[in-house]
Protein backbone atom coordinates (compact mmCIF):
# COMPACT_ATOMS: atom_id res chain seq x y z
CA UNK A 1 0.00 0.00 0.00
CA UNK A 2 2.85 2.34 0.81
CA UNK A 3 4.38 1.78 -2.62
CA UNK A 4 1.12 2.80 -4.28
CA UNK A 5 1.03 6.02 -2.25
CA UNK A 6 4.64 6.70 -3.28
CA UNK A 7 3.81 6.26 -6.97
CA UNK A 8 0.72 8.49 -6.71
CA UNK A 9 2.71 11.17 -4.86
CA UNK A 10 5.51 10.91 -7.41
CA UNK A 11 3.01 11.30 -10.25
CA UNK A 12 1.33 14.32 -8.63
CA UNK A 13 4.60 16.10 -7.84
CA UNK A 14 5.86 15.68 -11.39
CA UNK A 15 2.53 16.91 -12.72
CA UNK A 16 2.59 19.97 -10.42
CA UNK A 17 6.13 20.91 -11.47
CA UNK A 18 5.10 20.97 -15.12
CA UNK A 19 6.57 17.75 -16.47
CA UNK A 20 4.66 16.30 -19.40
CA UNK A 21 2.62 13.11 -19.16
CA UNK A 22 5.16 11.30 -21.35
CA UNK A 23 7.97 12.35 -19.01
CA UNK A 24 5.94 11.23 -16.01
CA UNK A 25 5.27 7.81 -17.55
CA UNK A 26 8.95 7.40 -18.43
CA UNK A 27 9.96 8.34 -14.88
CA UNK A 28 7.44 5.87 -13.43
CA UNK A 29 8.75 3.08 -15.67
CA UNK A 30 12.35 3.81 -14.66
CA UNK A 31 11.40 3.97 -10.97
CA UNK A 32 9.51 0.67 -11.26
CA UNK A 33 12.49 -1.06 -12.87
CA UNK A 34 14.85 0.30 -10.21
CA UNK A 35 12.52 -0.81 -7.41
CA UNK A 36 12.24 -4.27 -9.00
CA UNK A 37 16.02 -4.65 -9.21
CA UNK A 38 16.41 -3.37 -5.65
CA UNK A 39 13.81 -5.85 -4.42
CA UNK A 40 15.57 -8.73 -6.17
CA UNK A 41 18.89 -7.67 -4.62
CA UNK A 42 17.31 -7.46 -1.16
CA UNK A 43 15.74 -10.90 -1.60
CA UNK A 44 19.09 -12.34 -2.68
CA UNK A 45 20.76 -10.92 0.44
CA UNK A 46 17.92 -12.27 2.59
CA UNK A 47 18.15 -15.79 1.12
CA UNK A 48 21.97 -15.97 1.00
CA UNK A 49 22.40 -17.71 4.41
CA UNK A 50 19.94 -20.43 3.41
CA UNK A 51 21.73 -20.93 0.10
CA UNK A 52 25.07 -21.27 1.90
CA UNK A 53 23.50 -23.74 4.34
CA UNK A 54 22.15 -25.84 1.47
CA UNK A 55 25.58 -25.86 -0.20
CA UNK A 56 27.23 -26.94 3.07
CA UNK A 57 24.70 -29.75 3.60
CA UNK A 58 25.21 -31.08 0.06
CA UNK A 59 28.98 -30.90 0.51
CA UNK A 60 28.82 -32.88 3.78
CA UNK A 61 26.46 -35.51 2.37
CA UNK A 62 28.60 -35.99 -0.74
CA UNK A 63 31.77 -36.29 1.34
CA UNK A 64 30.15 -38.93 3.57
CA UNK A 65 28.68 -40.97 0.71
CA UNK A 66 31.69 -41.08 -1.63
CA UNK A 67 32.86 -44.63 -2.33
CA UNK A 68 36.48 -45.56 -1.79
CA UNK A 69 38.99 -45.86 -4.61
CA UNK A 70 39.09 -49.67 -4.32
CA UNK A 71 35.37 -49.84 -5.09
CA UNK A 72 35.97 -47.97 -8.32
CA UNK A 73 38.76 -50.34 -9.33
CA UNK A 74 36.74 -53.48 -8.59
CA UNK A 75 33.70 -52.24 -10.52
CA UNK A 76 35.63 -51.41 -13.68
CA UNK A 77 36.83 -54.94 -14.52
CA UNK A 78 34.73 -55.05 -17.70
CA UNK A 79 37.01 -52.47 -19.33
CA UNK A 80 40.05 -54.76 -19.34
PDB file of N, CA and C in Angstrom:
ATOM      1  N   UNK A   1       0.829  -1.194   0.000  1.00  0.00           N
ATOM      2  CA  UNK A   1       0.000   0.000   0.000  1.00  0.00           C
ATOM      3  C   UNK A   1       0.872   1.256   0.000  1.00  0.00           C
ATOM      4  N   UNK A   2       1.972   1.186   0.729  1.00  0.00           N
ATOM      5  CA  UNK A   2       2.854   2.342   0.811  1.00  0.00           C
ATOM      6  C   UNK A   2       3.503   2.636  -0.539  1.00  0.00           C
ATOM      7  N   UNK A   3       3.791   1.586  -1.294  1.00  0.00           N
ATOM      8  CA  UNK A   3       4.381   1.785  -2.619  1.00  0.00           C
ATOM      9  C   UNK A   3       3.408   2.502  -3.551  1.00  0.00           C
ATOM     10  N   UNK A   4       2.135   2.147  -3.449  1.00  0.00           N
ATOM     11  CA  UNK A   4       1.121   2.797  -4.277  1.00  0.00           C
ATOM     12  C   UNK A   4       1.013   4.282  -3.937  1.00  0.00           C
ATOM     13  N   UNK A   5       1.054   4.615  -2.654  1.00  0.00           N
ATOM     14  CA  UNK A   5       1.030   6.022  -2.255  1.00  0.00           C
ATOM     15  C   UNK A   5       2.271   6.754  -2.759  1.00  0.00           C
ATOM     16  N   UNK A   6       3.417   6.085  -2.751  1.00  0.00           N
ATOM     17  CA  UNK A   6       4.638   6.696  -3.283  1.00  0.00           C
ATOM     18  C   UNK A   6       4.494   7.000  -4.767  1.00  0.00           C
ATOM     19  N   UNK A   7       3.968   6.053  -5.526  1.00  0.00           N
ATOM     20  CA  UNK A   7       3.810   6.258  -6.972  1.00  0.00           C
ATOM     21  C   UNK A   7       2.815   7.378  -7.251  1.00  0.00           C
ATOM     22  N   UNK A   8       1.717   7.417  -6.509  1.00  0.00           N
ATOM     23  CA  UNK A   8       0.723   8.486  -6.708  1.00  0.00           C
ATOM     24  C   UNK A   8       1.327   9.846  -6.354  1.00  0.00           C
ATOM     25  N   UNK A   9       2.050   9.922  -5.239  1.00  0.00           N
ATOM     26  CA  UNK A   9       2.706  11.173  -4.859  1.00  0.00           C
ATOM     27  C   UNK A   9       3.759  11.598  -5.866  1.00  0.00           C
ATOM     28  N   UNK A  10       4.504  10.646  -6.379  1.00  0.00           N
ATOM     29  CA  UNK A  10       5.512  10.908  -7.407  1.00  0.00           C
ATOM     30  C   UNK A  10       4.853  11.475  -8.656  1.00  0.00           C
ATOM     31  N   UNK A  11       3.761  10.858  -9.079  1.00  0.00           N
ATOM     32  CA  UNK A  11       3.013  11.298 -10.252  1.00  0.00           C
ATOM     33  C   UNK A  11       2.491  12.722 -10.058  1.00  0.00           C
ATOM     34  N   UNK A  12       1.906  12.990  -8.899  1.00  0.00           N
ATOM     35  CA  UNK A  12       1.326  14.317  -8.633  1.00  0.00           C
ATOM     36  C   UNK A  12       2.417  15.386  -8.581  1.00  0.00           C
ATOM     37  N   UNK A  13       3.535  15.100  -7.931  1.00  0.00           N
ATOM     38  CA  UNK A  13       4.602  16.096  -7.835  1.00  0.00           C
ATOM     39  C   UNK A  13       5.208  16.407  -9.203  1.00  0.00           C
ATOM     40  N   UNK A  14       5.360  15.409 -10.044  1.00  0.00           N
ATOM     41  CA  UNK A  14       5.864  15.684 -11.388  1.00  0.00           C
ATOM     42  C   UNK A  14       4.849  16.473 -12.202  1.00  0.00           C
ATOM     43  N   UNK A  15       3.570  16.188 -12.001  1.00  0.00           N
ATOM     44  CA  UNK A  15       2.526  16.912 -12.717  1.00  0.00           C
ATOM     45  C   UNK A  15       2.471  18.369 -12.264  1.00  0.00           C
ATOM     46  N   UNK A  16       2.638  18.605 -10.960  1.00  0.00           N
ATOM     47  CA  UNK A  16       2.590  19.967 -10.418  1.00  0.00           C
ATOM     48  C   UNK A  16       3.791  20.785 -10.906  1.00  0.00           C
ATOM     49  N   UNK A  17       4.945  20.169 -11.041  1.00  0.00           N
ATOM     50  CA  UNK A  17       6.132  20.914 -11.471  1.00  0.00           C
ATOM     51  C   UNK A  17       6.148  21.187 -12.966  1.00  0.00           C
ATOM     52  N   UNK A  18       5.219  20.642 -13.715  1.00  0.00           N
ATOM     53  CA  UNK A  18       5.100  20.968 -15.123  1.00  0.00           C
ATOM     54  C   UNK A  18       5.731  19.965 -16.064  1.00  0.00           C
ATOM     55  N   UNK A  19       6.005  18.787 -15.598  1.00  0.00           N
ATOM     56  CA  UNK A  19       6.568  17.755 -16.469  1.00  0.00           C
ATOM     57  C   UNK A  19       5.429  17.151 -17.279  1.00  0.00           C
ATOM     58  N   UNK A  20       5.706  16.838 -18.530  1.00  0.00           N
ATOM     59  CA  UNK A  20       4.661  16.302 -19.403  1.00  0.00           C
ATOM     60  C   UNK A  20       4.259  14.887 -18.975  1.00  0.00           C
ATOM     61  N   UNK A  21       3.116  14.450 -19.481  1.00  0.00           N
ATOM     62  CA  UNK A  21       2.616  13.107 -19.161  1.00  0.00           C
ATOM     63  C   UNK A  21       3.592  12.043 -19.654  1.00  0.00           C
ATOM     64  N   UNK A  22       4.187  12.263 -20.823  1.00  0.00           N
ATOM     65  CA  UNK A  22       5.158  11.296 -21.347  1.00  0.00           C
ATOM     66  C   UNK A  22       6.386  11.207 -20.436  1.00  0.00           C
ATOM     67  N   UNK A  23       6.847  12.341 -19.950  1.00  0.00           N
ATOM     68  CA  UNK A  23       7.974  12.347 -19.008  1.00  0.00           C
ATOM     69  C   UNK A  23       7.627  11.664 -17.703  1.00  0.00           C
ATOM     70  N   UNK A  24       6.386  11.867 -17.246  1.00  0.00           N
ATOM     71  CA  UNK A  24       5.937  11.226 -16.011  1.00  0.00           C
ATOM     72  C   UNK A  24       5.890   9.710 -16.188  1.00  0.00           C
ATOM     73  N   UNK A  25       5.346   9.255 -17.311  1.00  0.00           N
ATOM     74  CA  UNK A  25       5.273   7.808 -17.551  1.00  0.00           C
ATOM     75  C   UNK A  25       6.666   7.196 -17.665  1.00  0.00           C
ATOM     76  N   UNK A  26       7.580   7.908 -18.325  1.00  0.00           N
ATOM     77  CA  UNK A  26       8.951   7.403 -18.430  1.00  0.00           C
ATOM     78  C   UNK A  26       9.605   7.325 -17.053  1.00  0.00           C
ATOM     79  N   UNK A  27       9.385   8.338 -16.229  1.00  0.00           N
ATOM     80  CA  UNK A  27       9.959   8.336 -14.880  1.00  0.00           C
ATOM     81  C   UNK A  27       9.371   7.212 -14.036  1.00  0.00           C
ATOM     82  N   UNK A  28       8.074   6.954 -14.187  1.00  0.00           N
ATOM     83  CA  UNK A  28       7.442   5.872 -13.425  1.00  0.00           C
ATOM     84  C   UNK A  28       7.976   4.514 -13.877  1.00  0.00           C
ATOM     85  N   UNK A  29       8.197   4.348 -15.175  1.00  0.00           N
ATOM     86  CA  UNK A  29       8.754   3.079 -15.675  1.00  0.00           C
ATOM     87  C   UNK A  29      10.164   2.873 -15.135  1.00  0.00           C
ATOM     88  N   UNK A  30      10.981   3.925 -15.173  1.00  0.00           N
ATOM     89  CA  UNK A  30      12.349   3.810 -14.658  1.00  0.00           C
ATOM     90  C   UNK A  30      12.339   3.527 -13.158  1.00  0.00           C
ATOM     91  N   UNK A  31      11.481   4.211 -12.414  1.00  0.00           N
ATOM     92  CA  UNK A  31      11.397   3.975 -10.971  1.00  0.00           C
ATOM     93  C   UNK A  31      10.927   2.555 -10.676  1.00  0.00           C
ATOM     94  N   UNK A  32       9.991   2.039 -11.468  1.00  0.00           N
ATOM     95  CA  UNK A  32       9.511   0.672 -11.265  1.00  0.00           C
ATOM     96  C   UNK A  32      10.618  -0.339 -11.513  1.00  0.00           C
ATOM     97  N   UNK A  33      11.383  -0.136 -12.570  1.00  0.00           N
ATOM     98  CA  UNK A  33      12.494  -1.055 -12.870  1.00  0.00           C
ATOM     99  C   UNK A  33      13.539  -1.008 -11.756  1.00  0.00           C
ATOM    100  N   UNK A  34      13.872   0.188 -11.291  1.00  0.00           N
ATOM    101  CA  UNK A  34      14.855   0.301 -10.214  1.00  0.00           C
ATOM    102  C   UNK A  34      14.355  -0.339  -8.923  1.00  0.00           C
ATOM    103  N   UNK A  35      13.075  -0.170  -8.608  1.00  0.00           N
ATOM    104  CA  UNK A  35      12.523  -0.811  -7.411  1.00  0.00           C
ATOM    105  C   UNK A  35      12.506  -2.327  -7.552  1.00  0.00           C
ATOM    106  N   UNK A  36      12.238  -2.823  -8.758  1.00  0.00           N
ATOM    107  CA  UNK A  36      12.237  -4.267  -9.002  1.00  0.00           C
ATOM    108  C   UNK A  36      13.635  -4.847  -8.802  1.00  0.00           C
ATOM    109  N   UNK A  37      14.642  -4.178  -9.362  1.00  0.00           N
ATOM    110  CA  UNK A  37      16.024  -4.650  -9.207  1.00  0.00           C
ATOM    111  C   UNK A  37      16.455  -4.566  -7.742  1.00  0.00           C
ATOM    112  N   UNK A  38      16.080  -3.496  -7.073  1.00  0.00           N
ATOM    113  CA  UNK A  38      16.405  -3.371  -5.650  1.00  0.00           C
ATOM    114  C   UNK A  38      15.740  -4.445  -4.810  1.00  0.00           C
ATOM    115  N   UNK A  39      14.499  -4.782  -5.136  1.00  0.00           N
ATOM    116  CA  UNK A  39      13.809  -5.852  -4.419  1.00  0.00           C
ATOM    117  C   UNK A  39      14.446  -7.206  -4.654  1.00  0.00           C
ATOM    118  N   UNK A  40      14.881  -7.465  -5.891  1.00  0.00           N
ATOM    119  CA  UNK A  40      15.567  -8.730  -6.175  1.00  0.00           C
ATOM    120  C   UNK A  40      16.892  -8.811  -5.424  1.00  0.00           C
ATOM    121  N   UNK A  41      17.621  -7.695  -5.361  1.00  0.00           N
ATOM    122  CA  UNK A  41      18.886  -7.672  -4.624  1.00  0.00           C
ATOM    123  C   UNK A  41      18.651  -7.906  -3.134  1.00  0.00           C
ATOM    124  N   UNK A  42      17.615  -7.272  -2.577  1.00  0.00           N
ATOM    125  CA  UNK A  42      17.306  -7.460  -1.159  1.00  0.00           C
ATOM    126  C   UNK A  42      16.897  -8.901  -0.877  1.00  0.00           C
ATOM    127  N   UNK A  43      16.139  -9.505  -1.789  1.00  0.00           N
ATOM    128  CA  UNK A  43      15.736 -10.897  -1.596  1.00  0.00           C
ATOM    129  C   UNK A  43      16.941 -11.832  -1.679  1.00  0.00           C
ATOM    130  N   UNK A  44      17.888 -11.519  -2.578  1.00  0.00           N
ATOM    131  CA  UNK A  44      19.090 -12.341  -2.682  1.00  0.00           C
ATOM    132  C   UNK A  44      19.892 -12.267  -1.383  1.00  0.00           C
ATOM    133  N   UNK A  45      20.036 -11.080  -0.824  1.00  0.00           N
ATOM    134  CA  UNK A  45      20.762 -10.922   0.439  1.00  0.00           C
ATOM    135  C   UNK A  45      20.032 -11.656   1.561  1.00  0.00           C
ATOM    136  N   UNK A  46      18.706 -11.619   1.543  1.00  0.00           N
ATOM    137  CA  UNK A  46      17.922 -12.270   2.591  1.00  0.00           C
ATOM    138  C   UNK A  46      18.030 -13.792   2.506  1.00  0.00           C
ATOM    139  N   UNK A  47      18.107 -14.344   1.297  1.00  0.00           N
ATOM    140  CA  UNK A  47      18.155 -15.793   1.121  1.00  0.00           C
ATOM    141  C   UNK A  47      19.572 -16.353   1.083  1.00  0.00           C
ATOM    142  N   UNK A  48      20.590 -15.506   1.106  1.00  0.00           N
ATOM    143  CA  UNK A  48      21.967 -15.974   1.004  1.00  0.00           C
ATOM    144  C   UNK A  48      22.370 -16.941   2.119  1.00  0.00           C
ATOM    145  N   UNK A  49      22.028 -16.716   3.392  1.00  0.00           N
ATOM    146  CA  UNK A  49      22.403 -17.707   4.415  1.00  0.00           C
ATOM    147  C   UNK A  49      21.789 -19.085   4.165  1.00  0.00           C
ATOM    148  N   UNK A  50      20.563 -19.133   3.685  1.00  0.00           N
ATOM    149  CA  UNK A  50      19.935 -20.429   3.407  1.00  0.00           C
ATOM    150  C   UNK A  50      20.605 -21.124   2.235  1.00  0.00           C
ATOM    151  N   UNK A  51      21.018 -20.350   1.230  1.00  0.00           N
ATOM    152  CA  UNK A  51      21.735 -20.933   0.100  1.00  0.00           C
ATOM    153  C   UNK A  51      23.080 -21.501   0.542  1.00  0.00           C
ATOM    154  N   UNK A  52      23.794 -20.768   1.384  1.00  0.00           N
ATOM    155  CA  UNK A  52      25.068 -21.268   1.896  1.00  0.00           C
ATOM    156  C   UNK A  52      24.874 -22.509   2.759  1.00  0.00           C
ATOM    157  N   UNK A  53      23.793 -22.546   3.539  1.00  0.00           N
ATOM    158  CA  UNK A  53      23.497 -23.735   4.344  1.00  0.00           C
ATOM    159  C   UNK A  53      23.212 -24.936   3.458  1.00  0.00           C
ATOM    160  N   UNK A  54      22.453 -24.743   2.393  1.00  0.00           N
ATOM    161  CA  UNK A  54      22.154 -25.844   1.474  1.00  0.00           C
ATOM    162  C   UNK A  54      23.426 -26.349   0.803  1.00  0.00           C
ATOM    163  N   UNK A  55      24.314 -25.447   0.415  1.00  0.00           N
ATOM    164  CA  UNK A  55      25.582 -25.859  -0.199  1.00  0.00           C
ATOM    165  C   UNK A  55      26.424 -26.655   0.794  1.00  0.00           C
ATOM    166  N   UNK A  56      26.457 -26.218   2.053  1.00  0.00           N
ATOM    167  CA  UNK A  56      27.232 -26.935   3.068  1.00  0.00           C
ATOM    168  C   UNK A  56      26.657 -28.325   3.327  1.00  0.00           C
ATOM    169  N   UNK A  57      25.331 -28.448   3.370  1.00  0.00           N
ATOM    170  CA  UNK A  57      24.700 -29.754   3.598  1.00  0.00           C
ATOM    171  C   UNK A  57      25.006 -30.700   2.448  1.00  0.00           C
ATOM    172  N   UNK A  58      24.905 -30.229   1.220  1.00  0.00           N
ATOM    173  CA  UNK A  58      25.210 -31.078   0.062  1.00  0.00           C
ATOM    174  C   UNK A  58      26.673 -31.493   0.081  1.00  0.00           C
ATOM    175  N   UNK A  59      27.557 -30.586   0.451  1.00  0.00           N
ATOM    176  CA  UNK A  59      28.980 -30.904   0.507  1.00  0.00           C
ATOM    177  C   UNK A  59      29.257 -31.987   1.551  1.00  0.00           C
ATOM    178  N   UNK A  60      28.621 -31.879   2.729  1.00  0.00           N
ATOM    179  CA  UNK A  60      28.823 -32.879   3.784  1.00  0.00           C
ATOM    180  C   UNK A  60      28.259 -34.225   3.359  1.00  0.00           C
ATOM    181  N   UNK A  61      27.070 -34.247   2.790  1.00  0.00           N
ATOM    182  CA  UNK A  61      26.461 -35.513   2.371  1.00  0.00           C
ATOM    183  C   UNK A  61      27.292 -36.176   1.280  1.00  0.00           C
ATOM    184  N   UNK A  62      27.782 -35.404   0.334  1.00  0.00           N
ATOM    185  CA  UNK A  62      28.602 -35.991  -0.738  1.00  0.00           C
ATOM    186  C   UNK A  62      29.933 -36.497  -0.204  1.00  0.00           C
ATOM    187  N   UNK A  63      30.502 -35.813   0.785  1.00  0.00           N
ATOM    188  CA  UNK A  63      31.773 -36.287   1.335  1.00  0.00           C
ATOM    189  C   UNK A  63      31.583 -37.547   2.171  1.00  0.00           C
ATOM    190  N   UNK A  64      30.428 -37.717   2.791  1.00  0.00           N
ATOM    191  CA  UNK A  64      30.153 -38.931   3.565  1.00  0.00           C
ATOM    192  C   UNK A  64      29.862 -40.104   2.643  1.00  0.00           C
ATOM    193  N   UNK A  65      29.139 -39.888   1.576  1.00  0.00           N
ATOM    194  CA  UNK A  65      28.682 -40.974   0.711  1.00  0.00           C
ATOM    195  C   UNK A  65      29.620 -41.330  -0.431  1.00  0.00           C
ATOM    196  N   UNK A  66      30.794 -40.747  -0.514  1.00  0.00           N
ATOM    197  CA  UNK A  66      31.686 -41.077  -1.632  1.00  0.00           C
ATOM    198  C   UNK A  66      32.283 -42.462  -1.428  1.00  0.00           C
ATOM    199  N   UNK A  67      32.244 -43.300  -2.452  1.00  0.00           N
ATOM    200  CA  UNK A  67      32.855 -44.628  -2.327  1.00  0.00           C
ATOM    201  C   UNK A  67      34.377 -44.529  -2.354  1.00  0.00           C
ATOM    202  N   UNK A  68      35.016 -45.561  -1.845  1.00  0.00           N
ATOM    203  CA  UNK A  68      36.475 -45.565  -1.791  1.00  0.00           C
ATOM    204  C   UNK A  68      37.050 -45.906  -3.158  1.00  0.00           C
ATOM    205  N   UNK A  69      38.338 -45.649  -3.319  1.00  0.00           N
ATOM    206  CA  UNK A  69      38.994 -45.862  -4.610  1.00  0.00           C
ATOM    207  C   UNK A  69      39.016 -47.336  -4.986  1.00  0.00           C
ATOM    208  N   UNK A  70      39.069 -48.237  -4.003  1.00  0.00           N
ATOM    209  CA  UNK A  70      39.093 -49.668  -4.319  1.00  0.00           C
ATOM    210  C   UNK A  70      37.766 -50.119  -4.913  1.00  0.00           C
ATOM    211  N   UNK A  71      36.674 -49.498  -4.506  1.00  0.00           N
ATOM    212  CA  UNK A  71      35.375 -49.840  -5.089  1.00  0.00           C
ATOM    213  C   UNK A  71      35.344 -49.484  -6.569  1.00  0.00           C
ATOM    214  N   UNK A  72      35.939 -48.357  -6.908  1.00  0.00           N
ATOM    215  CA  UNK A  72      35.969 -47.971  -8.316  1.00  0.00           C
ATOM    216  C   UNK A  72      36.789 -48.970  -9.138  1.00  0.00           C
ATOM    217  N   UNK A  73      37.903 -49.412  -8.585  1.00  0.00           N
ATOM    218  CA  UNK A  73      38.757 -50.343  -9.326  1.00  0.00           C
ATOM    219  C   UNK A  73      38.093 -51.696  -9.496  1.00  0.00           C
ATOM    220  N   UNK A  74      37.371 -52.160  -8.490  1.00  0.00           N
ATOM    221  CA  UNK A  74      36.741 -53.478  -8.594  1.00  0.00           C
ATOM    222  C   UNK A  74      35.533 -53.451  -9.525  1.00  0.00           C
ATOM    223  N   UNK A  75      34.879 -52.329  -9.666  1.00  0.00           N
ATOM    224  CA  UNK A  75      33.696 -52.243 -10.519  1.00  0.00           C
ATOM    225  C   UNK A  75      34.034 -52.040 -11.990  1.00  0.00           C
ATOM    226  N   UNK A  76      35.261 -51.722 -12.302  1.00  0.00           N
ATOM    227  CA  UNK A  76      35.628 -51.415 -13.683  1.00  0.00           C
ATOM    228  C   UNK A  76      36.370 -52.568 -14.355  1.00  0.00           C
ATOM    229  N   UNK A  77      36.135 -53.793 -13.940  1.00  0.00           N
ATOM    230  CA  UNK A  77      36.832 -54.943 -14.522  1.00  0.00           C
ATOM    231  C   UNK A  77      36.402 -55.190 -15.967  1.00  0.00           C
ATOM    232  N   UNK A  78      35.219 -54.776 -16.348  1.00  0.00           N
ATOM    233  CA  UNK A  78      34.730 -55.048 -17.703  1.00  0.00           C
ATOM    234  C   UNK A  78      35.523 -54.292 -18.763  1.00  0.00           C
ATOM    235  N   UNK A  79      36.250 -53.265 -18.361  1.00  0.00           N
ATOM    236  CA  UNK A  79      37.008 -52.472 -19.331  1.00  0.00           C
ATOM    237  C   UNK A  79      38.292 -53.164 -19.770  1.00  0.00           C
ATOM    238  N   UNK A  80      38.744 -54.162 -19.047  1.00  0.00           N
ATOM    239  CA  UNK A  80      40.046 -54.760 -19.339  1.00  0.00           C
ATOM    240  C   UNK A  80      39.937 -55.874 -20.332  1.00  0.00           C
TER     241      UNK A  80
END
